[in-house]
Every structure is written in C-alpha cells, then in structure tokens.
C-alpha cells in the first residue's frame, strides 16, 4: 500500500504536496458525523451564522426558478447584481467601482483565489498577519508564491503596524493580505491605524487584498473603514466580500471582488476557464439581499454584540482560558496555553489540537484549534450560534476544565 501511495503521489500535480486540507472543513465534517450518529455536540467552532437567509432573498430565488432563470449568465455575474454591489460599496466604504470592475464569484473564497492567482508571480512573497484565516497561506502556495507570516500579539490587539511589517519587506514582497474584522481574532483597525498602513503600502509599492467579509459585524463606535478608501489605495487594492456572513447565505455561495478594471478583467479570464458564472438563482437571491432594506443588519449586529459579551464572560470564567474582547466578526480568540503540558480528563494535552479533541470527545463541545490559524496556543470559539447552544457549550467546557 505504501509503494502504491508513493507512486500515486508522483503522478499528482506538484501543488498537492504544498497545499494542506482546510481544518475548518475537517471540523465541519466531524461535527456532521457526530450529528448523523445522534451524538450531542455544541457547535462553538464553526463560522456559520444561525440566522436565516432574508425572506426577500428566498422569494427572489423562488421567483427566478418559476421564471426559468436557470441558464448561464455573464461570467462576471448579472449586471443588476454588479450594479447593486457597486451601490453597496459606495454606501459602505465610500468608493466608486463600475460594474466592469466587479466580479461575482462562487463565494468569497473563490474571489480570494482569483485575486491571488492573478496578482502573484511564482516566487513572490505575500505578507500574512498572524492569526490568519486558514485558506490564505494555502492559496498563496497554490499560486507558487511564498506566504510570509507576520506575528502579532495581544498587546497590539493582534494587529500589524508599519513597524511590525517593515522587517519582512524585501524586493520579492508583492502584497499584504489584510483581513478585518479578523477571523479569528476579531481585530478591527481604526482609521488612524489604516492611514499609517496605507502610507507604508504606497511607499513600498505593494498591493493589498482587503478581505472585508465580516465588515457588517463591527462593534466599536467608529465603525468599519476599508483600507482601499485612503488616497492612492484604490489603484493597488482588491476588496473581497460576500453575502455569506452578512445575510446568512453561506450555502448560496456568492462572493465578489472589486478591483481596478485591468485586474478584474484578468480575474474574469481566469474565472471563465474555471467556474464560469456563479449560480443564476443564487445571484437573484443575492441581488434581493443587497438591494433590500438593511435594517436587519443592525438587529443582527446588536444580537451578536450581546452574545459576544456573554461568550467572553463565560470563557474568562473557565480555568486556564483568557481572551480579549473582540471588536468585530463573531469569534472569541481564547488563549489556552495554560493547559499545554497538563492533563485533562486523564488525557495528556501536548497541543491545542489535543485540547480541542478532548473537549469534543469528553464534553461534546466543538471548538477550532488555533494551529490552522497560525497559533499553537489559542482556540477559536464562535458566537454565531443560538444562545442556548452557546450557554450549553460553555457549561460543558466549565464542567470539564473547571472554574477559576
């Protein structure tokens, strides 16, 4: 079997040795298996909004089916959707993008893939602040570029600054991936912090990918600001967003990118040979979600803020766990390093992966170990679950790990 596997590996593309599987996808698979087996599980590790897709989006999709709107569309997405995205970008981040500068994709992950594979040359270096979303380094590696990890720490709110970036920049540095609000830390950059980063990026002639998928969920009074909105940045930025988190539409798989026309045209060429257009029906649903009244966004944000406070309080009550109060997204980034080297339920904890496995198997609580996000000491917990499930998960964790 070993020889057979080795022979098979030599017949596969070279990137298969570089790119690791998604740990979040693996956790989703494990949780699904537990549920199929009838085993109770508190889903505190997954980034799945618990609120439903808006009725206006559902009805639009149903109408699209009745209207037989089920064929191919423009590869870049239907014009009304790109126009609606253009208006939303003007409303939300104060930037003008024409429909020809917007590419509708099969989820935000697809928009990121298009962008990295369009901007990066083999051997380029890409700056990725730690902690990072799990797919950033793997997509960079797929493109033949090199992920360069820039460490952040709790004292800086898990944010990069020109000072922390500078040592990592050289002649091969191509771009910075800036994800804010950050998954998993919840970090949000202020206008002052972004202005300093924008100066740094312009001076060094870098590109920036601004992943803004969680921009609807910012809890600080200043709100959300896009780095693309600063002078001279629109020309060197690609904005990534999606309807998945903001509208509870993860399974509809609609994301988008906004970029200078030349970059968007190149991404469109790539998409024309991979996925072609996203689902026609899902595009109609996304159009209704984006065009319709946005009052529900305020209600959801307020609910998440209340859940955030409860989850932070619960985590801080559990022995061996500490965390900051996240400024956005819907995760708590919990430092679990006190448990490393200590047993839990009679089982050794050498890594946070061990701790996450014990929590799942002994307490029925699914959390994400931080290793997939670049940290060997953290756990990611989500408050995008219904309050009873979150409280049940916290109680199960406290029963297993103890109270302070």
Protein backbone atom coordinates (compact mmCIF):
# COMPACT_ATOMS: atom_id res chain seq x y z
CA UNK A 1 0.00 0.00 0.00
CA UNK A 2 2.87 2.38 0.82
CA UNK A 3 4.51 1.81 -2.55
CA UNK A 4 1.15 2.27 -4.30
CA UNK A 5 0.54 5.56 -2.46
CA UNK A 6 4.04 6.78 -3.25
CA UNK A 7 3.58 6.01 -6.94
CA UNK A 8 0.25 7.81 -6.93
CA UNK A 9 1.83 10.89 -5.34
CA UNK A 10 4.42 11.08 -8.09
CA UNK A 11 1.62 11.20 -10.66
CA UNK A 12 -0.20 14.11 -8.98
CA UNK A 13 0.45 17.80 -9.59
CA UNK A 14 3.27 19.38 -7.60
CA UNK A 15 0.92 21.72 -5.70
CA UNK A 16 -0.67 18.72 -3.94
CA UNK A 17 2.46 18.44 -1.80
CA UNK A 18 2.29 22.11 -0.80
CA UNK A 19 -1.37 22.72 -0.03
CA UNK A 20 -2.85 21.43 3.24
CA UNK A 21 -6.53 20.50 3.75
CA UNK A 22 -8.79 23.08 5.39
CA UNK A 23 -9.05 22.45 9.15
CA UNK A 24 -12.39 24.27 9.29
CA UNK A 25 -13.78 21.96 6.60
CA UNK A 26 -12.48 18.95 8.56
CA UNK A 27 -14.22 20.17 11.72
CA UNK A 28 -17.47 20.69 9.79
CA UNK A 29 -17.19 17.10 8.56
CA UNK A 30 -16.54 15.77 12.07
CA UNK A 31 -19.48 17.68 13.57
CA UNK A 32 -21.75 16.43 10.77
CA UNK A 33 -20.66 12.85 11.51
CA UNK A 34 -21.41 13.30 15.22
CA UNK A 35 -24.87 14.60 14.38
CA UNK A 36 -25.57 11.72 11.98
CA UNK A 37 -24.63 9.32 14.76
CA UNK A 38 -27.04 11.06 17.13
CA UNK A 39 -24.26 12.29 19.41
CA UNK A 40 -24.95 15.68 21.04
CA UNK A 41 -22.49 18.41 20.09
CA UNK A 42 -22.28 22.10 20.94
CA UNK A 43 -21.04 23.78 17.74
CA UNK A 44 -18.82 26.56 19.09
CA UNK A 45 -16.14 26.15 16.45
CA UNK A 46 -17.90 26.82 13.16
CA UNK A 47 -18.36 30.12 11.34
CA UNK A 48 -21.95 29.51 10.33
CA UNK A 49 -24.47 32.30 11.05
CA UNK A 50 -27.52 30.91 12.83
CA UNK A 51 -29.97 33.49 11.45
CA UNK A 52 -31.86 32.55 8.28
CA UNK A 53 -31.47 33.93 4.78
CA UNK A 54 -33.74 37.01 4.46
CA UNK A 55 -37.21 36.25 3.11
CA UNK A 56 -36.70 38.75 0.27
CA UNK A 57 -33.73 36.69 -0.94
CA UNK A 58 -35.61 33.40 -0.66
CA UNK A 59 -38.59 34.75 -2.56
CA UNK A 60 -36.37 36.17 -5.28
CA UNK A 61 -34.73 32.77 -5.76
CA UNK A 62 -38.11 31.04 -5.93
CA UNK A 63 -39.31 33.56 -8.49
CA UNK A 64 -36.14 33.06 -10.54
CA UNK A 65 -36.89 29.34 -10.72
CA UNK A 66 -40.50 29.97 -11.76
CA UNK A 67 -39.25 32.42 -14.39
CA UNK A 68 -36.85 29.75 -15.72
CA UNK A 69 -33.90 31.97 -14.89
CA UNK A 70 -31.74 28.88 -14.73
CA UNK A 71 -29.29 29.22 -17.61
CA UNK A 72 -25.81 30.64 -17.98
CA UNK A 73 -25.27 34.29 -17.11
CA UNK A 74 -22.39 36.66 -17.77
CA UNK A 75 -19.28 35.08 -16.31
CA UNK A 76 -18.78 38.17 -14.13
CA UNK A 77 -22.34 37.93 -12.81
CA UNK A 78 -25.59 39.53 -13.92
CA UNK A 79 -25.38 43.27 -14.49
CA UNK A 80 -28.10 44.21 -11.94
CA UNK A 81 -26.18 42.38 -9.21
CA UNK A 82 -22.90 44.07 -10.11
CA UNK A 83 -24.70 47.41 -10.14
CA UNK A 84 -26.18 46.68 -6.70
CA UNK A 85 -22.74 45.74 -5.38
CA UNK A 86 -21.37 48.98 -6.81
CA UNK A 87 -24.02 50.97 -4.90
CA UNK A 88 -23.36 48.99 -1.71
CA UNK A 89 -19.62 49.67 -1.92
CA UNK A 90 -20.33 53.37 -2.37
CA UNK A 91 -22.65 53.26 0.65
CA UNK A 92 -20.46 51.15 2.91
CA UNK A 93 -16.85 52.15 2.14
CA UNK A 94 -17.27 55.33 0.10
CA UNK A 95 -15.67 54.02 -3.08
CA UNK A 96 -16.86 54.09 -6.69
CA UNK A 97 -16.45 50.85 -8.63
CA UNK A 98 -18.06 50.42 -12.03
CA UNK A 99 -19.80 47.13 -12.88
CA UNK A 100 -16.83 46.25 -15.10
CA UNK A 101 -14.59 46.38 -12.02
CA UNK A 102 -16.69 43.84 -10.08
CA UNK A 103 -16.54 40.05 -10.50
CA UNK A 104 -19.21 37.94 -8.81
CA UNK A 105 -17.75 34.65 -7.63
CA UNK A 106 -18.66 31.30 -6.10
CA UNK A 107 -18.25 32.59 -2.55
CA UNK A 108 -15.66 34.89 -1.01
CA UNK A 109 -13.05 32.12 -1.01
CA UNK A 110 -13.30 31.97 -4.80
CA UNK A 111 -12.82 35.75 -5.09
CA UNK A 112 -9.68 35.45 -2.99
CA UNK A 113 -8.41 32.58 -5.14
CA UNK A 114 -8.94 34.61 -8.32
CA UNK A 115 -7.13 37.59 -6.81
CA UNK A 116 -4.06 35.75 -5.52
CA UNK A 117 -3.63 33.78 -8.74
CA UNK A 118 -3.97 36.98 -10.79
CA UNK A 119 -1.61 39.20 -8.79
CA UNK A 120 1.13 36.77 -7.72
CA UNK A 121 4.10 35.60 -9.74
CA UNK A 122 5.97 32.40 -8.79
CA UNK A 123 8.44 33.28 -6.04
CA UNK A 124 6.60 36.40 -4.88
CA UNK A 125 6.23 36.86 -1.14
CA UNK A 126 2.87 37.61 0.45
CA UNK A 127 2.62 39.17 3.91
CA UNK A 128 0.04 37.39 6.09
CA UNK A 129 -0.59 38.69 9.61
CA UNK A 130 -0.93 36.01 12.30
CA UNK A 131 -3.54 34.87 13.23
CA UNK A 132 -4.92 34.38 9.74
CA UNK A 133 -7.85 32.72 8.06
CA UNK A 134 -6.87 29.16 7.21
CA UNK A 135 -7.09 29.45 3.41
CA UNK A 136 -4.78 32.45 2.98
CA UNK A 137 -1.43 30.60 3.06
CA UNK A 138 -2.70 27.59 1.13
CA UNK A 139 -3.99 29.70 -1.74
CA UNK A 140 -0.72 31.64 -1.83
CA UNK A 141 1.20 28.37 -2.02
CA UNK A 142 -1.08 27.11 -4.78
CA UNK A 143 -0.16 30.21 -6.81
CA UNK A 144 3.54 29.36 -6.46
CA UNK A 145 4.15 32.30 -4.15
CA UNK A 146 5.51 32.22 -0.61
CA UNK A 147 3.45 33.07 2.48
CA UNK A 148 5.42 35.24 4.92
CA UNK A 149 3.88 35.23 8.37
CA UNK A 150 3.95 38.44 10.38
CA UNK A 151 3.44 37.78 14.06
CA UNK A 152 1.07 39.93 16.08
CA UNK A 153 0.41 39.81 19.79
CA UNK A 154 -2.29 40.53 22.30
CA UNK A 155 -0.64 43.79 23.40
CA UNK A 156 -1.22 45.22 19.90
CA UNK A 157 -4.75 43.79 19.68
CA UNK A 158 -3.48 41.21 17.16
CA UNK A 159 -2.89 43.93 14.56
CA UNK A 160 0.08 44.66 12.31
CA UNK A 161 1.71 48.07 12.09
CA UNK A 162 4.33 49.56 9.75
CA UNK A 163 6.87 48.81 12.47
CA UNK A 164 6.00 45.11 12.60
CA UNK A 165 5.72 44.76 8.81
CA UNK A 166 8.95 46.53 7.86
CA UNK A 167 11.41 43.69 8.70
CA UNK A 168 9.52 41.32 6.40
CA UNK A 169 9.52 43.50 3.28
CA UNK A 170 12.11 42.91 0.57
CA UNK A 171 12.40 43.03 -3.21
CA UNK A 172 10.22 39.92 -3.56
CA UNK A 173 7.32 41.22 -1.46
CA UNK A 174 4.22 41.52 -3.63
CA UNK A 175 1.24 42.14 -1.40
CA UNK A 176 -0.33 42.22 2.06
CA UNK A 177 -3.48 40.29 2.93
CA UNK A 178 -5.44 42.39 5.41
CA UNK A 179 -8.47 40.66 6.89
CA UNK A 180 -10.58 42.90 9.08
CA UNK A 181 -12.64 42.34 11.07
CA UNK A 182 -10.25 39.48 11.53
CA UNK A 183 -11.13 35.81 11.53
CA UNK A 184 -10.24 34.50 14.13
CA UNK A 185 -9.17 37.34 16.47
CA UNK A 186 -11.99 39.83 15.83
CA UNK A 187 -9.45 42.66 15.43
CA UNK A 188 -10.69 45.82 13.69
CA UNK A 189 -8.35 48.59 12.52
CA UNK A 190 -9.06 52.23 13.29
CA UNK A 191 -8.88 54.94 10.63
CA UNK A 192 -5.58 56.14 12.12
CA UNK A 193 -4.07 52.64 12.03
CA UNK A 194 -5.23 52.13 8.45
CA UNK A 195 -3.87 55.50 7.32
CA UNK A 196 -0.42 54.51 8.62
CA UNK A 197 -0.63 51.14 6.87
CA UNK A 198 -1.76 52.82 3.65
CA UNK A 199 1.28 55.13 3.71
CA UNK A 200 3.53 52.12 4.26
CA UNK A 201 1.98 50.15 1.38
CA UNK A 202 2.19 53.08 -1.06
CA UNK A 203 5.80 53.88 -0.17
CA UNK A 204 6.83 50.28 -0.87
CA UNK A 205 4.68 49.90 -3.99
CA UNK A 206 2.76 46.89 -2.65
CA UNK A 207 -0.69 45.53 -3.39
CA UNK A 208 -3.21 44.83 -0.65
CA UNK A 209 -6.07 42.36 -0.54
CA UNK A 210 -8.71 43.70 1.80
CA UNK A 211 -10.86 40.79 2.98
CA UNK A 212 -13.98 42.51 4.35
CA UNK A 213 -16.33 39.53 4.65
CA UNK A 214 -17.12 40.37 8.30
CA UNK A 215 -17.45 44.13 7.80
CA UNK A 216 -21.15 44.05 8.77
CA UNK A 217 -20.17 43.00 12.28
CA UNK A 218 -18.12 45.81 13.82
CA UNK A 219 -18.88 46.74 17.41
CA UNK A 220 -16.70 49.78 18.06
CA UNK A 221 -18.31 53.24 17.71
CA UNK A 222 -16.02 54.28 14.85
CA UNK A 223 -17.44 51.53 12.68
CA UNK A 224 -15.72 49.94 9.70
CA UNK A 225 -13.24 51.62 7.36
CA UNK A 226 -11.72 49.98 4.28
CA UNK A 227 -8.01 50.47 3.60
CA UNK A 228 -8.97 50.83 -0.08
CA UNK A 229 -10.66 54.15 0.75
CA UNK A 230 -7.42 56.02 1.52
CA UNK A 231 -5.72 58.22 -1.09
CA UNK A 232 -3.75 56.24 -3.65
CA UNK A 233 -5.01 52.88 -2.38
CA UNK A 234 -7.86 52.12 -4.74
CA UNK A 235 -5.30 51.62 -7.52
CA UNK A 236 -3.43 48.98 -5.53
CA UNK A 237 -6.22 47.25 -3.60
CA UNK A 238 -8.65 44.41 -4.23
CA UNK A 239 -11.70 44.40 -1.98
CA UNK A 240 -13.22 40.99 -1.19
CA UNK A 241 -16.69 40.48 0.26
CA UNK A 242 -19.63 38.08 0.16
CA UNK A 243 -23.27 37.71 1.14
CA UNK A 244 -22.49 34.60 3.20
CA UNK A 245 -21.94 36.07 6.67
CA UNK A 246 -23.84 39.36 6.43
CA UNK A 247 -27.06 37.80 5.15
CA UNK A 248 -26.89 34.25 6.49
CA UNK A 249 -26.30 32.93 2.97
CA UNK A 250 -23.24 30.68 3.36
CA UNK A 251 -24.67 27.86 1.24
CA UNK A 252 -25.75 30.14 -1.60
CA UNK A 253 -22.06 30.65 -2.49
CA UNK A 254 -22.00 34.23 -3.73
CA UNK A 255 -18.96 36.44 -3.17
CA UNK A 256 -17.37 39.22 -5.15
CA UNK A 257 -14.23 41.21 -5.77
CA UNK A 258 -13.85 44.90 -6.60
CA UNK A 259 -10.59 45.95 -8.21
CA UNK A 260 -9.10 48.20 -10.90
CA UNK A 261 -10.54 47.30 -14.31
CA UNK A 262 -7.34 45.70 -15.62
CA UNK A 263 -7.12 43.37 -12.61
CA UNK A 264 -10.81 42.50 -12.76
CA UNK A 265 -10.55 41.70 -16.46
CA UNK A 266 -7.67 39.30 -15.77
CA UNK A 267 -9.59 37.63 -12.94
CA UNK A 268 -12.55 37.30 -15.25
CA UNK A 269 -10.39 35.46 -17.78
CA UNK A 270 -9.35 33.01 -15.06
CA UNK A 271 -12.95 32.52 -13.92
CA UNK A 272 -14.12 31.96 -17.49
CA UNK A 273 -11.97 28.81 -17.61
CA UNK A 274 -12.78 27.50 -14.12
CA UNK A 275 -16.29 28.03 -12.74
CA UNK A 276 -17.83 30.36 -15.34
CA UNK A 277 -20.74 32.20 -13.72
CA UNK A 278 -22.00 31.53 -10.19
CA UNK A 279 -25.46 30.01 -9.81
CA UNK A 280 -28.04 32.11 -11.63
CA UNK A 281 -30.65 31.52 -8.93
CA UNK A 282 -28.24 32.38 -6.13
CA UNK A 283 -27.34 35.62 -7.92
CA UNK A 284 -31.00 36.66 -7.89
CA UNK A 285 -31.17 35.90 -4.17
CA UNK A 286 -28.02 37.93 -3.53
CA UNK A 287 -29.42 40.83 -5.53
CA UNK A 288 -32.53 40.94 -3.35
CA UNK A 289 -30.47 40.71 -0.17
CA UNK A 290 -28.15 43.58 -1.14
CA UNK A 291 -30.82 45.83 -2.68
CA UNK A 292 -33.42 45.39 0.04
CA UNK A 293 -33.74 47.25 3.36
CA UNK A 294 -30.72 46.75 5.60
CA UNK A 295 -32.46 47.18 8.96
CA UNK A 296 -31.97 43.51 9.76
CA UNK A 297 -28.20 44.08 9.72
CA UNK A 298 -28.48 46.40 12.72
CA UNK A 299 -30.62 43.91 14.65
CA UNK A 300 -28.21 41.04 13.96
CA UNK A 301 -25.19 43.14 14.90
CA UNK A 302 -26.78 44.05 18.24
CA UNK A 303 -27.59 40.39 18.90
CA UNK A 304 -24.02 39.38 18.13
CA UNK A 305 -22.65 42.06 20.42
CA UNK A 306 -24.76 40.73 23.29
CA UNK A 307 -23.67 37.16 22.56
CA UNK A 308 -20.05 38.28 22.31
CA UNK A 309 -20.19 39.74 25.81
CA UNK A 310 -21.71 36.55 27.20
CA UNK A 311 -19.13 34.34 25.48
CA UNK A 312 -16.23 36.49 26.66
CA UNK A 313 -17.58 36.37 30.21
CA UNK A 314 -18.01 32.60 30.00
CA UNK A 315 -14.53 31.98 28.57
CA UNK A 316 -12.91 34.15 31.24
CA UNK A 317 -14.73 32.14 33.91
CA UNK A 318 -13.18 28.84 32.74
CA UNK A 319 -9.92 27.74 34.30
CA UNK A 320 -6.90 28.07 32.01
CA UNK A 321 -8.56 30.28 29.36
CA UNK A 322 -8.10 34.01 28.70
CA UNK A 323 -9.27 36.29 25.88
CA UNK A 324 -9.60 39.86 24.68
CA UNK A 325 -12.97 41.38 23.85
CA UNK A 326 -13.22 41.11 20.03
CA UNK A 327 -14.04 44.31 18.15
CA UNK A 328 -15.77 42.58 15.24
CA UNK A 329 -16.64 39.35 13.38
CA UNK A 330 -18.23 36.64 15.54
CA UNK A 331 -15.36 34.77 17.19
CA UNK A 332 -13.52 34.78 20.51
CA UNK A 333 -9.81 34.02 20.29
CA UNK A 334 -9.07 32.25 23.57
CA UNK A 335 -5.54 31.72 24.90
CA UNK A 336 -5.44 28.12 26.16
CA UNK A 337 -1.68 27.86 26.65
CA UNK A 338 -2.06 27.21 30.39
CA UNK A 339 -3.36 23.76 29.52
CA UNK A 340 -0.34 22.75 27.45
CA UNK A 341 1.57 20.03 29.25
CA UNK A 342 -1.26 19.41 31.74
CA UNK A 343 -3.76 16.54 31.64
CA UNK A 344 -7.49 16.97 31.06
CA UNK A 345 -9.84 14.10 31.94
CA UNK A 346 -6.76 11.94 32.46
CA UNK A 347 -5.52 12.60 28.93
CA UNK A 348 -2.30 14.47 28.10
CA UNK A 349 -2.52 17.87 26.39
CA UNK A 350 0.60 18.39 24.32
CA UNK A 351 -1.04 20.75 21.82
CA UNK A 352 -4.21 22.81 21.46
CA UNK A 353 -5.29 20.21 18.91
CA UNK A 354 -5.23 17.67 21.76
CA UNK A 355 -7.29 20.01 23.92
CA UNK A 356 -9.85 20.57 21.14
CA UNK A 357 -10.14 16.80 20.60
CA UNK A 358 -10.68 16.21 24.33
CA UNK A 359 -13.34 18.94 24.51
CA UNK A 360 -15.20 17.32 21.61
CA UNK A 361 -14.90 13.73 22.79
CA UNK A 362 -15.35 14.25 26.53
CA UNK A 363 -17.67 17.29 26.66
CA UNK A 364 -19.29 17.30 23.23
CA UNK A 365 -18.03 20.82 22.52
CA UNK A 366 -16.62 21.56 19.05
CA UNK A 367 -14.02 24.34 19.02
CA UNK A 368 -11.34 25.17 16.44
CA UNK A 369 -7.72 24.69 17.49
CA UNK A 370 -5.57 27.69 16.66
CA UNK A 371 -2.91 25.77 14.75
CA UNK A 372 -4.81 26.15 11.48
CA UNK A 373 -4.82 29.91 12.06
CA UNK A 374 -1.10 30.11 12.86
CA UNK A 375 -1.20 29.89 16.66
CA UNK A 376 -0.13 26.89 18.77
CA UNK A 377 -1.73 28.38 21.91
CA UNK A 378 -5.26 29.50 21.02
CA UNK A 379 -8.75 28.12 20.48
CA UNK A 380 -11.38 29.80 18.29
CA UNK A 381 -14.91 29.86 19.65
CA UNK A 382 -17.87 31.24 17.75
CA UNK A 383 -20.88 33.19 19.00
CA UNK A 384 -22.75 32.74 15.71
CA UNK A 385 -24.83 30.05 17.38
CA UNK A 386 -28.14 30.29 19.20
CA UNK A 387 -27.85 31.42 22.80
CA UNK A 388 -28.95 28.10 24.39
CA UNK A 389 -26.32 26.19 22.41
CA UNK A 390 -23.61 28.68 23.33
CA UNK A 391 -24.56 28.56 27.01
CA UNK A 392 -24.71 24.78 26.93
CA UNK A 393 -21.27 24.59 25.36
CA UNK A 394 -19.78 26.95 27.94
CA UNK A 395 -21.30 24.97 30.79
CA UNK A 396 -19.91 21.71 29.36
CA UNK A 397 -16.45 23.25 28.99
CA UNK A 398 -16.54 24.63 32.52
CA UNK A 399 -17.63 21.26 33.89
CA UNK A 400 -14.68 19.59 32.20
CA UNK A 401 -11.95 22.21 32.70
CA UNK A 402 -13.14 23.75 35.97
CA UNK A 403 -13.73 27.32 37.11
CA UNK A 404 -11.21 29.95 38.12
